[in-house]
């Protein structure tokens, strides 16, 4: 990992007033923590800081911070931005030792095409970053996760990942990193036949709601039962 040099100057004044005056000069206040010493308050150029972390490691870029002739290795840990202009207002650094491991978050990158995706599944990344413990100059750019053998309904946990050389995964629970979700089935509604005006109902079907009763004196349909009290068609004639 390449080191980037960042110059800063000590500051003795703290508070909103001095910080505002620093920003008017094109600088921002910053604090360096760690090293088993009291925090060091410095001021630096925000544009230089942003340029220094323009590496594949981003926030995990190892920086050499020079303050009044002395230098220390630091990692850019946190910052504050203006909610409107999005300009840097404040920065925090963590002082590190090259022979002592640190814990950092490293982004996850999937490799290959999951077998479950070929069968219609959906690959989802549940954890976009994992916590890694490594020496400051051995921090990996990314954690590559091979998903080639991952089938539908299967997942990979952090304990199943292979850590890069010199690194360890740090976790309290064995959480899921990636999985292939089962595709949702689309429900197809059964077609409903529209009623045709004047059409006779199907055999055995109930008449449509609101259908008119047969007109008085009208002949019943063939095979229909006679009305109550009515004379059956073709019955015995009345005796003379």
Protein backbone atom coordinates (compact mmCIF):
# COMPACT_ATOMS: atom_id res chain seq x y z
CA UNK A 1 0.00 0.00 0.00
CA UNK A 2 1.47 3.32 -1.03
CA UNK A 3 1.77 6.00 1.59
CA UNK A 4 0.61 9.55 0.93
CA UNK A 5 2.17 12.51 2.69
CA UNK A 6 -0.16 15.05 4.27
CA UNK A 7 1.07 18.27 5.86
CA UNK A 8 -0.67 19.90 8.83
CA UNK A 9 -0.02 22.54 11.45
CA UNK A 10 -0.77 22.46 15.14
CA UNK A 11 -3.59 24.59 16.49
CA UNK A 12 -4.01 25.75 20.04
CA UNK A 13 -7.39 27.46 19.79
CA UNK A 14 -10.56 25.40 19.81
CA UNK A 15 -14.23 26.20 19.44
CA UNK A 16 -16.56 27.52 16.77
CA UNK A 17 -14.87 30.92 16.42
CA UNK A 18 -11.34 29.67 15.70
CA UNK A 19 -12.74 26.92 13.46
CA UNK A 20 -14.64 29.51 11.44
CA UNK A 21 -11.52 31.62 11.02
CA UNK A 22 -9.59 28.54 9.84
CA UNK A 23 -12.19 27.83 7.17
CA UNK A 24 -12.00 31.41 5.98
CA UNK A 25 -8.28 30.75 5.38
CA UNK A 26 -9.08 27.64 3.33
CA UNK A 27 -8.20 25.20 6.14
CA UNK A 28 -10.25 22.87 8.33
CA UNK A 29 -9.75 21.76 11.96
CA UNK A 30 -8.79 18.12 12.55
CA UNK A 31 -7.99 15.85 15.47
CA UNK A 32 -5.54 12.92 15.65
CA UNK A 33 -6.50 10.18 18.13
CA UNK A 34 -4.66 7.06 19.29
CA UNK A 35 -1.04 6.35 20.01
CA UNK A 36 -1.75 6.24 23.78
CA UNK A 37 -1.32 10.00 23.86
CA UNK A 38 -3.56 12.99 24.21
CA UNK A 39 -5.41 13.93 21.00
CA UNK A 40 -3.48 16.26 18.73
CA UNK A 41 -5.37 19.23 17.29
CA UNK A 42 -4.22 20.30 13.84
CA UNK A 43 -5.34 22.30 10.82
CA UNK A 44 -4.92 21.21 7.21
CA UNK A 45 -5.98 21.83 3.63
CA UNK A 46 -9.15 19.80 2.84
CA UNK A 47 -8.33 19.63 -0.88
CA UNK A 48 -4.96 18.04 -0.10
CA UNK A 49 -6.66 15.49 2.16
CA UNK A 50 -9.21 14.49 -0.48
CA UNK A 51 -6.46 14.12 -3.05
CA UNK A 52 -4.40 11.96 -0.66
CA UNK A 53 -7.19 9.38 -0.34
CA UNK A 54 -7.84 9.17 -4.09
CA UNK A 55 -6.52 5.62 -4.09
CA UNK A 56 -8.23 2.20 -4.43
CA UNK A 57 -8.11 1.96 -0.62
CA UNK A 58 -10.16 5.15 -0.11
CA UNK A 59 -10.58 5.63 3.67
CA UNK A 60 -8.18 2.79 4.36
CA UNK A 61 -5.31 4.62 2.66
CA UNK A 62 -2.28 4.77 4.94
CA UNK A 63 -1.27 8.42 5.32
CA UNK A 64 1.93 9.99 6.64
CA UNK A 65 0.87 13.09 8.53
CA UNK A 66 3.65 15.65 8.97
CA UNK A 67 3.18 18.17 11.78
CA UNK A 68 5.94 20.72 12.43
CA UNK A 69 8.79 18.42 11.44
CA UNK A 70 7.39 15.29 13.11
CA UNK A 71 5.53 12.59 11.20
CA UNK A 72 3.09 9.88 12.18
CA UNK A 73 1.09 7.24 10.33
CA UNK A 74 -2.65 7.77 10.38
CA UNK A 75 -5.89 6.55 8.81
CA UNK A 76 -8.68 8.93 7.84
CA UNK A 77 -11.53 7.76 10.09
CA UNK A 78 -14.32 10.32 10.14
CA UNK A 79 -15.39 13.72 8.87
CA UNK A 80 -18.11 16.37 8.92
CA UNK A 81 -19.47 18.11 5.84
CA UNK A 82 -21.63 21.15 5.24
CA UNK A 83 -25.20 19.92 4.60
CA UNK A 84 -25.66 22.39 1.74
CA UNK A 85 -22.27 22.81 0.02
CA UNK A 86 -21.00 19.30 0.97
CA UNK A 87 -17.59 20.81 1.74
CA UNK A 88 -15.39 19.29 4.44
CA UNK A 89 -15.75 21.04 7.78
CA UNK A 90 -13.83 18.74 10.14
CA UNK A 91 -11.71 15.57 10.01
CA UNK A 92 -10.66 12.86 12.45
CA UNK A 93 -7.56 10.66 12.10
CA UNK A 94 -6.48 7.50 13.88
CA UNK A 95 -2.78 7.22 14.63
CA UNK A 96 -1.49 3.71 13.89
CA UNK A 97 1.71 1.72 14.25
CA UNK A 98 3.01 -0.29 11.29
CA UNK A 99 3.61 -3.35 13.49
CA UNK A 100 0.21 -3.30 15.24
CA UNK A 101 -2.96 -4.60 13.52
CA UNK A 102 -6.00 -2.37 13.19
CA UNK A 103 -9.66 -3.07 12.59
CA UNK A 104 -11.18 -1.52 9.50
CA UNK A 105 -14.20 -2.03 7.27
CA UNK A 106 -13.38 -3.39 3.81
CA UNK A 107 -15.90 -3.45 0.93
CA UNK A 108 -17.22 -6.75 -0.45
CA UNK A 109 -16.99 -7.57 -4.19
CA UNK A 110 -18.67 -10.64 -5.69
CA UNK A 111 -16.80 -12.74 -8.26
CA UNK A 112 -18.37 -15.03 -10.88
CA UNK A 113 -21.97 -15.74 -11.84
CA UNK A 114 -24.01 -17.67 -9.31
CA UNK A 115 -25.49 -20.96 -10.48
CA UNK A 116 -28.79 -19.93 -8.94
CA UNK A 117 -28.94 -16.81 -11.09
CA UNK A 118 -28.81 -18.98 -14.22
CA UNK A 119 -31.87 -20.81 -12.84
CA UNK A 120 -33.81 -17.60 -12.33
CA UNK A 121 -32.70 -16.64 -8.81
CA UNK A 122 -31.65 -13.18 -7.68
CA UNK A 123 -28.19 -12.57 -6.19
CA UNK A 124 -28.30 -10.21 -3.20
CA UNK A 125 -25.46 -8.78 -1.11
CA UNK A 126 -26.53 -8.65 2.53
CA UNK A 127 -23.26 -7.16 3.88
CA UNK A 128 -21.52 -4.62 1.67
CA UNK A 129 -18.57 -4.34 4.09
CA UNK A 130 -16.86 -6.72 6.51
CA UNK A 131 -14.61 -5.92 9.46
CA UNK A 132 -11.03 -7.00 8.90
CA UNK A 133 -8.06 -7.02 11.28
CA UNK A 134 -4.74 -6.42 9.52
CA UNK A 135 -1.53 -4.43 9.67
CA UNK A 136 -2.01 -0.85 8.41
CA UNK A 137 0.11 -1.48 5.30
CA UNK A 138 -1.58 -4.87 4.62
CA UNK A 139 -5.20 -3.75 4.48
CA UNK A 140 -6.84 -5.27 1.37
CA UNK A 141 -8.61 -3.09 -1.16
CA UNK A 142 -11.64 -5.41 -1.19
CA UNK A 143 -12.85 -8.82 -0.04
CA UNK A 144 -13.65 -10.95 -3.08
CA UNK A 145 -16.48 -13.44 -2.62
CA UNK A 146 -16.76 -16.26 -5.18
CA UNK A 147 -20.47 -16.94 -5.76
CA UNK A 148 -20.10 -19.36 -8.69
CA UNK A 149 -21.41 -22.42 -6.80
CA UNK A 150 -24.21 -20.57 -5.02
CA UNK A 151 -27.61 -22.10 -5.87
CA UNK A 152 -31.13 -20.79 -5.34
CA UNK A 153 -31.96 -20.52 -1.65
CA UNK A 154 -28.32 -20.86 -0.58
CA UNK A 155 -26.16 -18.27 1.19
CA UNK A 156 -22.58 -17.59 2.22
CA UNK A 157 -21.75 -16.56 5.79
CA UNK A 158 -18.75 -14.53 6.87
CA UNK A 159 -17.19 -17.64 8.43
CA UNK A 160 -17.15 -19.30 4.99
CA UNK A 161 -15.15 -16.52 3.33
CA UNK A 162 -11.44 -16.79 2.71
CA UNK A 163 -9.50 -13.97 4.29
CA UNK A 164 -6.57 -12.48 2.34
CA UNK A 165 -3.09 -13.33 3.56
CA UNK A 166 -2.23 -11.52 6.77
CA UNK A 167 -5.87 -10.65 7.54
CA UNK A 168 -8.55 -11.95 9.89
CA UNK A 169 -12.30 -11.49 9.83
CA UNK A 170 -13.66 -10.13 13.10
CA UNK A 171 -17.31 -10.81 13.92
CA UNK A 172 -19.48 -11.71 16.90
CA UNK A 173 -22.27 -13.41 14.93
CA UNK A 174 -21.88 -15.52 11.80
CA UNK A 175 -23.92 -13.21 9.57
CA UNK A 176 -24.91 -13.74 5.92
CA UNK A 177 -22.80 -11.89 3.36
CA UNK A 178 -24.45 -12.92 0.05
CA UNK A 179 -27.41 -15.13 -0.91
CA UNK A 180 -29.47 -16.15 -3.94
CA UNK A 181 -33.13 -15.36 -3.37
CA UNK A 182 -35.98 -17.48 -4.73
CA UNK A 183 -37.74 -15.57 -7.53
CA UNK A 184 -41.29 -14.50 -6.78
CA UNK A 185 -43.96 -16.24 -8.87
CA UNK A 186 -46.37 -13.99 -10.71
CA UNK A 187 -50.01 -14.83 -10.02
CA UNK A 188 -52.08 -15.12 -13.21
CA UNK A 189 -55.77 -14.32 -12.71
CA UNK A 190 -58.29 -16.73 -14.30
CA UNK A 191 -60.15 -15.12 -17.23
CA UNK A 192 -63.76 -14.15 -16.52
CA UNK A 193 -66.22 -14.64 -19.39
CA UNK A 194 -68.42 -11.65 -19.97
CA UNK A 195 -72.16 -12.28 -20.11
CA UNK A 196 -73.71 -11.82 -23.57
CA UNK A 197 -77.07 -10.02 -23.48
CA UNK A 198 -79.93 -12.36 -24.44
CA UNK A 199 -77.81 -15.52 -24.22
CA UNK A 200 -79.34 -18.54 -22.50
CA UNK A 201 -77.59 -19.62 -19.29
CA UNK A 202 -75.55 -22.79 -19.30
CA UNK A 203 -77.32 -26.00 -18.39
CA UNK A 204 -77.79 -26.15 -14.64
CA UNK A 205 -76.67 -22.56 -14.14
CA UNK A 206 -78.75 -20.19 -12.07
CA UNK A 207 -80.37 -17.34 -13.94
CA UNK A 208 -78.55 -14.04 -13.87
CA UNK A 209 -79.49 -11.62 -11.16
CA UNK A 210 -82.30 -9.35 -12.26
CA UNK A 211 -83.38 -11.66 -15.10
CA UNK A 212 -87.07 -11.20 -16.03
CA UNK A 213 -89.58 -13.96 -15.23
CA UNK A 214 -91.39 -15.63 -18.20
CA UNK A 215 -94.37 -13.68 -19.46
CA UNK A 216 -97.85 -14.77 -18.34
CA UNK A 217 -99.31 -17.40 -20.69
CA UNK A 218 -96.01 -18.09 -22.35
CA UNK A 219 -95.26 -21.69 -23.16
CA UNK A 220 -92.67 -23.28 -20.94
CA UNK A 221 -89.45 -24.50 -22.43
CA UNK A 222 -89.34 -27.99 -23.79
CA UNK A 223 -89.09 -30.50 -20.98
CA UNK A 224 -89.98 -27.96 -18.32
CA UNK A 225 -92.24 -29.03 -15.44
CA UNK A 226 -95.76 -27.59 -15.54
CA UNK A 227 -96.72 -24.86 -13.18
CA UNK A 228 -98.37 -25.85 -9.94
CA UNK A 229 -101.99 -26.76 -10.53
CA UNK A 230 -101.58 -26.60 -14.27
CA UNK A 231 -102.65 -29.31 -16.74
CA UNK A 232 -99.99 -31.49 -18.15
CA UNK A 233 -99.64 -31.24 -21.89
CA UNK A 234 -100.91 -34.33 -23.65
CA UNK A 235 -102.88 -35.58 -20.57
CA UNK A 236 -106.31 -37.26 -20.52
CA UNK A 237 -109.12 -35.17 -21.98
CA UNK A 238 -111.97 -34.16 -19.72
CA UNK A 239 -114.77 -36.59 -19.61
CA UNK A 240 -117.90 -35.54 -21.43
